[in-house]
Protein backbone atom coordinates (compact mmCIF):
# COMPACT_ATOMS: atom_id res chain seq x y z
CA MET A 1 6.76 10.51 -77.59
CA ASP A 2 7.21 10.72 -81.36
CA LYS A 3 10.08 11.70 -83.59
CA SER A 4 11.00 15.38 -83.64
CA THR A 5 11.58 15.83 -87.36
CA PRO A 6 8.85 16.22 -90.01
CA ASP A 7 7.54 13.02 -91.54
CA GLY A 8 7.90 14.29 -95.10
CA SER A 9 4.18 14.97 -95.59
CA ASN A 10 4.66 18.57 -96.62
CA GLY A 11 6.22 19.66 -93.35
CA TYR A 12 3.70 18.12 -90.91
CA LEU A 13 5.36 16.31 -88.00
CA PHE A 14 2.67 13.63 -87.55
CA GLY A 15 0.62 14.19 -90.73
CA LYS A 16 -2.10 16.74 -91.40
CA GLY A 17 -4.88 14.79 -89.68
CA GLN A 18 -3.01 14.60 -86.38
CA ALA A 19 -1.99 18.24 -86.69
CA VAL A 20 -5.64 19.27 -87.05
CA PHE A 21 -6.66 17.08 -84.09
CA ILE A 22 -3.95 18.62 -81.89
CA LEU A 23 -4.99 22.12 -82.93
CA VAL A 24 -8.71 21.50 -82.31
CA VAL A 25 -8.32 19.89 -78.87
CA ILE A 26 -5.81 22.42 -77.53
CA ALA A 27 -7.72 25.39 -78.99
CA ILE A 28 -11.01 24.24 -77.42
CA LEU A 29 -9.29 23.65 -74.08
CA ASN A 30 -7.81 27.12 -74.21
CA MET A 31 -11.23 28.55 -75.13
CA ILE A 32 -12.68 26.89 -72.01
CA ASN A 33 -9.71 28.27 -70.09
CA MET A 34 -10.61 31.79 -71.29
CA MET A 35 -14.30 31.30 -70.46
CA ASP A 36 -13.40 30.35 -66.89
CA ARG A 37 -11.06 33.35 -66.73
CA SER A 38 -13.35 36.00 -68.23
CA VAL A 39 -16.68 35.08 -66.61
CA PHE A 40 -15.44 36.51 -63.33
CA ALA A 41 -15.54 40.04 -64.77
CA VAL A 42 -19.27 39.90 -65.49
CA ALA A 43 -20.01 38.17 -62.19
CA GLN A 44 -18.01 40.48 -59.94
CA GLU A 45 -20.49 43.37 -59.65
CA PRO A 46 -23.46 41.17 -58.55
CA MET A 47 -20.97 39.21 -56.42
CA ARG A 48 -19.71 42.44 -54.80
CA ILE A 49 -23.25 43.50 -53.97
CA ALA A 50 -24.31 40.07 -52.69
CA LEU A 51 -21.26 39.64 -50.44
CA GLY A 52 -20.96 43.30 -49.36
CA LEU A 53 -17.46 43.82 -50.79
CA ASN A 54 -15.73 46.99 -52.06
CA ASP A 55 -13.81 47.60 -55.31
CA THR A 56 -10.44 46.95 -53.70
CA GLN A 57 -11.51 43.52 -52.44
CA VAL A 58 -12.94 42.62 -55.84
CA GLY A 59 -9.70 43.79 -57.43
CA TRP A 60 -7.85 41.34 -55.19
CA PHE A 61 -9.74 38.39 -56.72
CA GLN A 62 -8.51 39.32 -60.20
CA THR A 63 -4.99 40.10 -59.02
CA VAL A 64 -4.54 36.86 -57.08
CA PHE A 65 -5.69 34.94 -60.16
CA TRP A 66 -2.95 36.55 -62.26
CA LEU A 67 -0.37 36.03 -59.53
CA GLY A 68 -1.19 32.33 -59.34
CA LEU A 69 -0.97 32.03 -63.12
CA SER A 70 2.21 34.05 -63.60
CA LEU A 71 4.34 32.71 -60.76
CA MET A 72 3.79 29.08 -61.79
CA THR A 73 4.07 29.62 -65.55
CA LEU A 74 7.83 29.23 -65.95
CA PRO A 75 8.19 26.13 -63.76
CA VAL A 76 5.30 24.47 -65.62
CA ALA A 77 6.67 25.53 -69.03
CA PHE A 78 10.08 24.14 -68.02
CA ILE A 79 8.44 20.83 -67.08
CA CYS A 80 6.58 20.78 -70.42
CA ASP A 81 9.84 21.22 -72.33
CA ARG A 82 11.53 18.49 -70.28
CA TRP A 83 8.68 16.03 -69.59
CA SER A 84 5.35 15.82 -71.46
CA ARG A 85 3.18 18.54 -72.96
CA ARG A 86 0.05 16.38 -73.40
CA LYS A 87 0.09 15.04 -69.83
CA MET A 88 0.66 18.50 -68.38
CA LEU A 89 -2.19 19.92 -70.48
CA GLY A 90 -4.55 17.26 -69.17
CA ILE A 91 -3.54 17.82 -65.55
CA LEU A 92 -3.84 21.60 -65.84
CA ALA A 93 -7.24 21.51 -67.56
CA ILE A 94 -8.77 19.27 -64.92
CA SER A 95 -7.23 21.43 -62.18
CA PHE A 96 -8.46 24.83 -63.34
CA SER A 97 -11.92 23.42 -64.05
CA THR A 98 -12.20 21.93 -60.58
CA PHE A 99 -11.23 25.20 -58.90
CA THR A 100 -13.60 27.14 -61.16
CA PHE A 101 -16.41 24.98 -59.74
CA LEU A 102 -15.19 25.66 -56.19
CA THR A 103 -15.17 29.41 -56.89
CA GLY A 104 -18.91 29.19 -57.51
CA LEU A 105 -19.36 27.64 -54.06
CA GLY A 106 -17.57 30.50 -52.29
CA ARG A 107 -19.65 32.64 -49.91
CA SER A 108 -16.98 34.87 -48.36
CA PHE A 109 -13.87 36.83 -49.35
CA ILE A 110 -11.55 33.94 -48.43
CA GLY A 111 -13.94 31.38 -49.95
CA ILE A 112 -13.45 33.04 -53.35
CA PHE A 113 -9.88 34.27 -52.89
CA ILE A 114 -8.29 30.81 -52.46
CA PRO A 115 -10.00 28.91 -55.32
CA ARG A 116 -9.56 31.93 -57.60
CA MET A 117 -5.82 31.84 -56.97
CA LEU A 118 -5.78 28.10 -57.70
CA VAL A 119 -7.68 28.63 -60.97
CA GLY A 120 -4.73 30.81 -61.97
CA VAL A 121 -2.27 28.09 -60.94
CA GLY A 122 -4.25 25.59 -63.02
CA GLU A 123 -4.05 27.86 -66.08
CA SER A 124 -0.30 28.46 -65.68
CA GLY A 125 1.79 27.17 -68.54
CA PHE A 126 -1.29 26.03 -70.42
CA THR A 127 -0.61 28.20 -73.45
CA SER A 128 3.14 27.52 -73.27
CA GLY A 129 2.83 23.76 -73.59
CA GLY A 130 -0.10 23.81 -76.00
CA GLN A 131 1.37 26.44 -78.28
CA ALA A 132 4.73 24.64 -78.49
CA LEU A 133 2.99 21.39 -79.47
CA ILE A 134 0.88 23.11 -82.14
CA VAL A 135 3.88 24.93 -83.61
CA ARG A 136 5.85 21.68 -83.84
CA ALA A 137 2.99 19.72 -85.45
CA TRP A 138 2.39 22.25 -88.25
CA PRO A 139 4.75 23.50 -91.02
CA GLU A 140 6.71 26.70 -90.36
CA ARG A 141 5.22 28.42 -93.43
CA LEU A 142 1.78 28.30 -91.77
CA ARG A 143 2.94 29.32 -88.30
CA GLY A 144 1.33 32.75 -88.10
CA THR A 145 -1.96 31.58 -89.65
CA ILE A 146 -2.26 28.47 -87.47
CA LEU A 147 -1.42 30.43 -84.34
CA ALA A 148 -4.08 32.95 -85.39
CA VAL A 149 -6.64 30.12 -85.62
CA PHE A 150 -5.55 28.81 -82.23
CA LEU A 151 -5.68 32.24 -80.64
CA VAL A 152 -9.00 33.16 -82.26
CA VAL A 153 -10.69 30.00 -80.97
CA SER A 154 -9.03 30.59 -77.60
CA GLN A 155 -10.05 34.25 -77.46
CA LEU A 156 -13.59 33.25 -78.40
CA GLY A 157 -13.78 32.12 -74.78
CA GLN A 158 -13.70 35.72 -73.56
CA PRO A 159 -16.87 36.99 -75.26
CA LEU A 160 -18.58 33.63 -74.77
CA GLY A 161 -17.66 33.59 -71.10
CA MET A 162 -19.02 37.08 -70.55
CA ALA A 163 -22.14 36.75 -72.74
CA LEU A 164 -23.14 33.27 -71.54
CA GLY A 165 -22.06 34.06 -68.00
CA GLY A 166 -24.25 37.16 -67.92
CA MET A 167 -27.22 35.20 -69.28
CA LEU A 168 -26.79 32.48 -66.66
CA ILE A 169 -26.55 35.04 -63.85
CA VAL A 170 -29.80 36.68 -64.94
CA LYS A 171 -31.59 33.36 -65.62
CA PHE A 172 -30.74 31.79 -62.25
CA ASN A 173 -30.50 35.08 -60.35
CA SER A 174 -27.16 33.94 -58.96
CA TRP A 175 -23.63 35.20 -59.61
CA SER A 176 -22.24 31.69 -58.99
CA SER A 177 -24.19 29.78 -61.66
CA PRO A 178 -21.74 30.22 -64.59
CA PHE A 179 -18.81 28.91 -62.54
CA LEU A 180 -20.69 25.68 -61.87
CA PHE A 181 -21.65 25.19 -65.53
CA PHE A 182 -18.31 26.18 -67.12
CA ALA A 183 -16.29 23.66 -65.07
CA ILE A 184 -17.78 20.58 -66.73
CA PRO A 185 -16.41 20.83 -70.32
CA GLY A 186 -12.90 21.61 -69.05
CA ILE A 187 -12.75 18.32 -67.16
CA LEU A 188 -14.00 16.36 -70.17
CA PHE A 189 -11.55 17.87 -72.67
CA GLY A 190 -8.77 17.61 -70.09
CA ILE A 191 -9.17 13.83 -70.25
CA VAL A 192 -8.99 13.95 -74.08
CA ALA A 193 -5.67 15.84 -73.86
CA PHE A 194 -3.96 12.76 -72.42
CA PHE A 195 -4.47 11.04 -75.81
CA LEU A 196 -2.75 13.68 -77.98
CA ARG A 197 0.49 12.82 -79.77
CA ASP A 198 3.58 14.60 -78.51
CA TYR A 199 7.05 15.15 -79.93
CA GLU A 200 10.32 13.99 -78.47
CA ASN A 201 11.90 16.59 -76.22
CA ALA A 202 15.09 18.20 -77.50
CA PRO A 203 18.05 17.44 -75.23
CA ALA A 204 19.08 20.33 -73.00
CA PRO A 205 22.49 21.89 -73.73
CA ALA A 206 25.40 20.25 -71.94
CA LYS A 207 26.90 21.89 -68.89
CA SER A 208 30.57 22.79 -68.79
CA ASP A 209 31.39 19.49 -67.05
CA GLY A 210 29.81 17.59 -69.94
CA VAL A 211 26.68 16.60 -68.05
CA THR A 212 23.48 17.19 -70.01
CA GLY A 213 21.17 19.66 -68.37
CA GLU A 214 20.41 23.33 -67.88
CA SER A 215 18.88 25.14 -64.95
CA LEU A 216 15.63 27.03 -65.30
CA PHE A 217 17.40 30.31 -64.50
CA THR A 218 20.10 29.75 -67.13
CA SER A 219 17.54 28.75 -69.73
CA VAL A 220 15.39 31.82 -69.13
CA TRP A 221 18.37 34.17 -68.96
CA THR A 222 19.31 33.04 -72.48
CA LEU A 223 15.89 34.19 -73.67
CA PHE A 224 16.24 37.61 -72.03
CA LYS A 225 19.57 38.12 -73.80
CA THR A 226 17.73 37.87 -77.13
CA ARG A 227 16.96 41.51 -77.89
CA THR A 228 13.81 40.85 -79.91
CA LEU A 229 12.37 38.74 -77.12
CA LEU A 230 13.34 41.31 -74.48
CA SER A 231 11.53 44.04 -76.45
CA SER A 232 8.48 41.87 -76.97
CA TYR A 233 8.40 40.94 -73.28
CA ILE A 234 8.46 44.62 -72.26
CA GLY A 235 5.75 45.41 -74.80
CA TYR A 236 3.64 42.44 -73.74
CA VAL A 237 3.83 43.40 -70.05
CA ALA A 238 2.43 46.84 -70.89
CA TYR A 239 -0.10 45.22 -73.24
CA ASN A 240 -1.38 42.97 -70.48
CA ILE A 241 -1.58 45.77 -67.92
CA VAL A 242 -4.15 47.33 -70.25
CA ALA A 243 -5.82 44.00 -71.07
CA ALA A 244 -6.04 42.78 -67.45
CA ALA A 245 -7.50 46.08 -66.25
CA LEU A 246 -10.09 46.32 -69.04
CA MET A 247 -10.98 42.63 -68.92
CA ALA A 248 -11.59 42.86 -65.18
CA TRP A 249 -13.50 46.14 -65.03
CA THR A 250 -15.25 46.84 -68.36
CA PRO A 251 -18.51 45.02 -67.46
CA THR A 252 -18.62 46.85 -64.12
CA PHE A 253 -17.91 50.17 -65.87
CA LEU A 254 -20.79 49.54 -68.29
CA MET A 255 -23.18 48.62 -65.47
CA ARG A 256 -22.33 51.79 -63.56
CA SER A 257 -22.14 54.25 -66.48
CA GLN A 258 -25.20 52.95 -68.34
CA GLY A 259 -27.32 51.51 -65.51
CA ILE A 260 -27.61 48.04 -67.11
CA ASN A 261 -27.63 44.55 -65.59
CA ALA A 262 -25.03 41.76 -65.80
CA GLY A 263 -26.71 40.09 -68.78
CA GLN A 264 -26.76 43.29 -70.83
CA ALA A 265 -23.19 44.19 -69.88
CA GLY A 266 -22.01 40.70 -70.74
CA MET A 267 -23.63 40.92 -74.16
CA LEU A 268 -22.09 44.34 -74.92
CA VAL A 269 -18.64 43.17 -73.87
CA GLY A 270 -19.19 39.93 -75.81
CA ILE A 271 -19.81 41.90 -79.01
CA ILE A 272 -16.61 43.88 -78.43
CA GLY A 273 -14.81 40.57 -77.99
CA PHE A 274 -16.22 39.11 -81.21
CA ILE A 275 -15.03 42.19 -83.13
CA GLY A 276 -11.62 41.62 -81.58
CA LEU A 277 -11.57 38.07 -82.95
CA ILE A 278 -11.67 39.46 -86.49
CA GLY A 279 -8.54 41.43 -85.66
CA ALA A 280 -6.89 38.29 -84.27
CA ILE A 281 -7.55 36.40 -87.52
CA LEU A 282 -6.30 39.23 -89.72
CA GLY A 283 -3.25 39.74 -87.51
CA GLY A 284 -2.02 36.23 -88.25
CA ILE A 285 -2.84 36.29 -91.97
CA ILE A 286 -1.43 39.77 -92.61
CA SER A 287 1.75 39.13 -90.65
CA ASP A 288 2.40 35.83 -92.48
CA LYS A 289 1.93 37.40 -95.92
CA TRP A 290 3.87 40.56 -95.09
CA GLN A 291 6.67 38.54 -93.47
CA ARG A 292 7.52 37.03 -96.88
CA ARG A 293 8.44 40.49 -98.14
CA ASN A 294 9.49 42.25 -94.93
CA PRO A 295 11.59 40.33 -92.35
CA LYS A 296 10.38 42.71 -89.63
CA ALA A 297 6.67 42.37 -90.46
CA ARG A 298 5.48 40.41 -87.42
CA MET A 299 6.91 42.97 -85.02
CA HIS A 300 5.58 45.85 -87.13
CA VAL A 301 2.06 44.41 -87.08
CA CYS A 302 2.25 44.29 -83.27
CA ALA A 303 3.39 47.91 -83.11
CA ILE A 304 0.94 49.40 -85.61
CA SER A 305 -2.13 47.56 -84.32
CA THR A 306 -1.52 48.52 -80.68
CA SER A 307 -0.81 52.18 -81.52
CA ILE A 308 -4.24 52.43 -83.15
CA GLY A 309 -5.81 50.43 -80.32
CA THR A 310 -4.37 52.65 -77.59
CA LEU A 311 -5.84 55.84 -79.03
CA ALA A 312 -9.21 54.15 -79.62
CA LEU A 313 -9.34 52.86 -76.04
CA LEU A 314 -8.69 56.22 -74.44
CA GLY A 315 -11.44 57.78 -76.55
CA ALA A 316 -13.84 54.95 -75.70
CA VAL A 317 -13.41 55.35 -71.94
CA LEU A 318 -13.71 59.14 -72.11
CA LEU A 319 -17.05 58.69 -73.90
CA ASP A 320 -18.30 56.08 -71.38
CA MET A 321 -18.33 53.46 -74.15
CA GLN A 322 -21.64 54.81 -75.43
CA GLY A 323 -22.41 55.70 -79.06
CA ILE A 324 -19.12 56.62 -80.75
CA GLY A 325 -17.40 55.51 -77.56
CA TYR A 326 -18.73 51.98 -78.01
CA ALA A 327 -17.53 51.95 -81.64
CA LEU A 328 -14.09 53.03 -80.44
CA ALA A 329 -14.10 50.20 -77.89
CA CYS A 330 -14.64 47.80 -80.78
CA VAL A 331 -11.73 49.39 -82.69
CA TRP A 332 -9.57 48.95 -79.59
CA ALA A 333 -10.41 45.25 -79.35
CA PHE A 334 -9.77 44.77 -83.08
CA GLY A 335 -6.34 46.39 -82.89
CA TRP A 336 -5.42 44.86 -79.54
CA LEU A 337 -6.08 41.28 -80.61
CA MET A 338 -4.26 41.74 -83.93
CA LEU A 339 -1.07 41.48 -81.86
CA GLN A 340 -1.71 38.00 -80.52
CA ALA A 341 -0.71 35.74 -83.43
CA PRO A 342 2.35 37.65 -84.67
CA ASN A 343 3.60 38.13 -81.11
CA ALA A 344 3.24 34.42 -80.41
CA ALA A 345 5.06 33.61 -83.66
CA VAL A 346 7.90 35.97 -82.70
CA THR A 347 8.55 34.09 -79.43
CA GLN A 348 8.79 30.82 -81.37
CA ASP A 349 10.83 32.28 -84.25
CA CYS A 350 13.52 33.67 -81.95
CA SER A 351 13.94 30.66 -79.63
CA THR A 352 15.58 27.28 -80.10
CA LEU A 353 13.49 24.12 -80.05
CA ASP A 354 14.40 23.21 -76.46
CA LYS A 355 13.15 26.58 -75.16
CA ARG A 356 9.96 27.24 -77.13
CA GLY A 357 7.58 26.49 -74.29
CA GLN A 358 9.64 28.68 -71.98
CA ALA A 359 9.88 31.47 -74.57
CA TRP A 360 6.13 31.92 -74.37
CA GLY A 361 6.06 31.04 -70.68
CA VAL A 362 8.15 34.12 -69.86
CA ASN A 363 5.25 36.26 -71.14
CA ASN A 364 2.90 34.69 -68.62
CA PHE A 365 5.51 34.73 -65.85
CA LEU A 366 5.89 38.48 -66.29
CA GLY A 367 2.20 38.60 -65.53
CA PHE A 368 3.26 38.97 -61.88
CA ILE A 369 3.71 42.62 -62.88
CA THR A 370 0.43 42.92 -64.77
CA ALA A 371 -1.38 40.98 -62.04
CA TRP A 372 -1.56 44.12 -59.95
CA ALA A 373 -3.51 46.07 -62.60
CA PRO A 374 -7.04 44.96 -61.52
CA LEU A 375 -6.24 45.64 -57.86
CA ALA A 376 -4.66 49.02 -58.70
CA VAL A 377 -7.72 50.03 -60.73
CA GLY A 378 -10.05 49.00 -57.90
CA ALA A 379 -7.99 50.78 -55.24
CA LEU A 380 -7.69 53.95 -57.33
CA SER A 381 -11.42 53.85 -58.02
CA ASP A 382 -12.16 53.57 -54.29
CA SER A 383 -9.78 56.45 -53.50
CA LEU A 384 -11.65 58.62 -56.01
CA GLY A 385 -15.03 57.83 -54.51
CA ALA A 386 -15.71 54.71 -56.62
CA GLY A 387 -18.77 55.10 -58.83
CA THR A 388 -18.50 55.82 -62.55
CA THR A 389 -16.07 58.75 -62.36
CA GLY A 390 -13.54 57.05 -60.11
CA LEU A 391 -13.53 53.92 -62.23
CA LYS A 392 -13.24 55.96 -65.46
CA ILE A 393 -10.11 57.77 -64.26
CA ALA A 394 -8.57 54.49 -63.10
CA LEU A 395 -9.20 52.85 -66.49
CA LEU A 396 -7.68 55.82 -68.33
CA CYS A 397 -4.52 55.48 -66.25
CA ALA A 398 -4.31 51.79 -67.15
CA GLY A 399 -4.94 52.50 -70.84
CA ALA A 400 -1.97 54.88 -70.98
CA PHE A 401 0.37 51.87 -70.78
CA GLY A 402 -0.54 51.22 -74.41
CA PHE A 403 2.01 53.87 -75.41
CA LEU A 404 4.79 51.72 -73.94
CA THR A 405 3.41 48.68 -75.76
CA PHE A 406 3.76 49.93 -79.32
CA THR A 407 7.06 51.72 -78.61
CA ALA A 408 8.69 48.47 -77.43
CA TYR A 409 7.58 46.55 -80.53
CA PHE A 410 8.79 49.28 -82.90
CA ILE A 411 12.22 49.16 -81.25
CA GLY A 412 12.38 45.36 -81.16
CA ALA A 413 11.64 45.09 -84.89
CA ASN A 414 15.19 46.27 -85.61
CA TYR A 415 16.68 43.13 -84.02
CA TYR A 416 14.13 40.58 -85.22
CA PRO A 417 15.70 39.33 -88.52
CA ALA A 418 19.11 38.67 -86.95
CA ASP A 419 17.63 36.90 -83.92
CA VAL A 420 15.53 34.63 -86.16
CA ALA A 421 18.62 33.73 -88.18
CA ARG A 422 20.57 32.87 -85.01
CA ALA A 423 17.79 30.61 -83.69
CA ASN A 424 17.47 28.81 -87.02
CA GLU A 425 21.21 28.23 -87.20
CA ALA A 426 21.27 26.87 -83.64
CA ASN A 427 18.44 24.47 -84.47
CA ARG A 428 20.23 23.36 -87.64
CA LEU A 429 23.48 22.66 -85.78
CA ALA A 430 21.50 20.66 -83.21
CA GLY A 431 20.06 18.51 -86.00
CA HIS A 432 16.49 19.91 -85.85
CA ARG A 433 14.56 21.25 -88.80
CA GLU A 434 11.10 22.78 -89.19
């Protein structure tokens, strides 16, 4: 562990070189994480056909992944804040990569169900620990921009996972091939994570009897009492209902509505994802610059970008994502990913140093709600006769949750400046400074 106050080199905790190294390693690991996560969407239609499954069963694979991830997120984030971020990152990366490989070996519903759930467990808390370490290593004035870089590199894994995954499926004529290939780099970079520098953990608040310590429930309840965080959590749940449903079913929707193969669908979704990355970059830059003049800017960027994205998404699905519909899908991705950096910055701005991993971890924990979106879409599609029409109606229902997303962020913006001030004062009284 290293000291938890900046070393005087312009706000960098360990110096700029170490800050860059931490950012690069964690961002690449999270990119691999996203590749392992997203490749399933492009593989599921050929997998469904090969194994004789229906949409509901395929939906279960996506749902159980999110359940595994969400239910373990808070315990892992709590351990990161109390133990070691770098060690936990290494363990998690090796774990999710191993179970990704085992997913590719599955030849039955149970043979895919169990390793898919354990991939989710391996990815739990990964962003919480990594994001907290990045935020601490870099100066506060660059927080939104650096988180944008981290999230852009991370999100790059989604289009890469789908595009490369589709190509591998077509090349080897096997839905399992990308799972076997994608597991290798995760194990290698997981080993590198053990050599990152980490900061000294902040002591937990003392209990009433004077003993240092705080339960996980008490720690998390403190976060929920912060009104900005509560609003962002509600908005992010709705955001991820939309994201989980579209991430799981868009390649299948394209294959059915346009009669294309996995490689072509993966490429089309990959392009949408790359357009979204531009939004992710601009979201961090714009929110940082605007925040200097408007103390509510980060929350406003989240609200405005998702309001535009929601309308674009509904239009895209109605038009089968063809022609203008495909352009609208790109607009949706652009607006949707603009939220990522400012939303991540908000969770760190409004939490004290000893709870920063948990502040983001709550977002992933609440994924136990969003986890049901892929299954619900699959079940609704089956009930409507499956095919293109059934899946279209199911995706429109999921997309409607976007209205709740931007409403929650607009409301939460009213509390943001005061909650930031309270967190900064608490950190100052505890002897910590950015």
